[in-house]
């Protein structure tokens, strides 16, 4: 049985006339009508199978409202309670203000949605009675949510004329036996099937309930009936506008490559994203970022090395930090003679660093010196940059406690950056100088990730160092093979869950990719994802070798790719990713920083990569050594880009990071969903989407 929704107005007879159309066999008002054939054909075609049972009528709280409702209820009783009537009463007597217009419109939309949600039956809407605004609202709501019949009643004679429909003056149809109504009073009335509307597919996207109670015969609404900010009308309008925007943007290649939600924005907002420039870390903190190029051995700030050293020292009962005066002298010697730190026994390294608790800033000044001024920390070369990492990495991560604390700190840093994902690069073979085995190191890393990652999607990438002997490269690959088949069930589960790829790092000039191909055959045979450090301080031919000799899926840095048009085209065609690291690229190589007016005259290739469609991303590299965060990398990239990095470009970089990550299909699906949800919330908070 169907549901009828109608407004009331001052002429309740119209409700009877509509119901006599939808329920002709029960209410024979039109059986002698001159147009009976046409009326009956419409009835047979549209209503016979689903006559009305439930009637919802909503009206303003007008003076004679109870008289009008009572007349309908008394008529229904005389008809044997054919219908279940519910009257929804607005909290005002007339519609005379903008607020009242919007309120009554919200009621119309909620009633139509409620009818669909509650009954799952045919829904008919009368557009014959009531105020024009209410009728218009009902028709619009029915068009959006679906309506099986819009019903109108034509009347050539007059509503409100003496002797017809005025409750106070003459006898209404509702007060008379239908069989006694003179034919001349019925002839001017012509019920019309005014069409139907399929539900807009967008209506299925509304998840919020947007409830309205329809209980009992009277439902008196209150002015504060609906939650502030929760407006169904606005939600429907937003969905329609977004769909229109999506259609209009369907040929915009820039938007098609970006997050789908952006296609729902209007041209004005898209233009603002194309023009608005990233200026601060807070601009990008809410964006859904992934750090794909992040070294565990270079992730600690100076203050972190002190904290980790103190924790690691606790593993050796009876050992205490050196006096800070002695530690200061030791660090000064390390600074002058880099090999000396490697020759210092591990416990003494820990005691030296731990001595600076409460004096972390002094240690930072000792260690970085002039490089604390960002203008000076530019174009220093790979060797000088690498020496800045001597306080951490293999110099610090030689017991399980140090490794665990470092992983936990890194995960927390990624969360503070607003990351949704993180790929950690590590060299377990470098952390075995104090008795740990490769499996011990990797197991500690994986367990720490598993227990502390929270909602962060995390992968681990194992590193082979090309500046080592070939035998060590072979050994790194062999260790991967052995651990991939390790019989330890707990370790195996962690290994399969988190190990996502393999990396080749170290001085590019030490060994060319083609020299390592044979060693990498087992990795290639297992179809493991591969990323190679290449094109950082060498020409594009090294990038070519990484791609063609080692089948690299991504390239770390890839700065010289811009110098090879043919290879750049291949990257675009094959969706090979580039992992740019603005701070370390500025610090090691030197690129123009337009904000600092430092770093040389060389232009950073980021924008050209974006314009050409390269899957380029921004990453931290060694966030501790570079004294950076992922948010800061976006700001740095903006400073290194002529006219600055725009928000649309920043979002494209975020999307690229998901596209080229080494996570599996299901993991990427969750990342895309998380990114979309994060963006929708960000757009809502910034009033770019409706609340």
Foldseek 3Di string as FASTA:
>chain_A
DEEEEEEDAQFLLVVVVVLCLLPVVLNVLCVPAPCVVVSVVCNVVQRPVPRHAEYEYEYEPAPCVVVSLVLVVVLCVVSVVSHHAAYEYEDHHDQDDPLSLQVLLLVLLQVVVCRCVPPVDAYEYELADDDNSNSVSNVVSCQAAKHSWYKYKAAPDDPPDAQEGRPPGHDYPSRDDSVPDDNVNSHRIDMDGPDIHGHDPLVVVDDDNSHDDGDDRYHYADSCNDDPQDGPVQVSVLSVQLVVQLVVCVPVVLQVLFQSSVSRFHPVVVVQLVQAFDAALVVPLLFAFEFQFEELLQAAALLLLLVLLVQVLVVPPPDAADAQVVLLVVLLVCQVPVVVLVVDDLNNLSSSSPNCVVPSVVSVCSLCPPVVPVQVLFQPADVVLVSSSCSGGLSHQQDLSSLLSSLLVNLVLCVSSNYQEYEYEYELVSRCPVPDDSLRNVLSNLVSCVVRNPNRHYAYEYEDELLDDLVSLLVSLVVVVCQCPPPPVVSNVSCVRHHQAYEYDYDCVRDALLVCLVSCVVVVVVVGAYEYADDLPDACVSVVCCCVRVVHQEYEANQRVVVDPVVLVVQQVSQREYEHELLVSRSHRFAQQQVVRHRDDHAGCVVVSVVVRHLYAYHHNSCNSSVHGSSVSQNSVQRRHVSGDGSSNNSSRRSSCLVSHSDDPVVSVVSSVVSVVSVVVVCPVVVSRRD
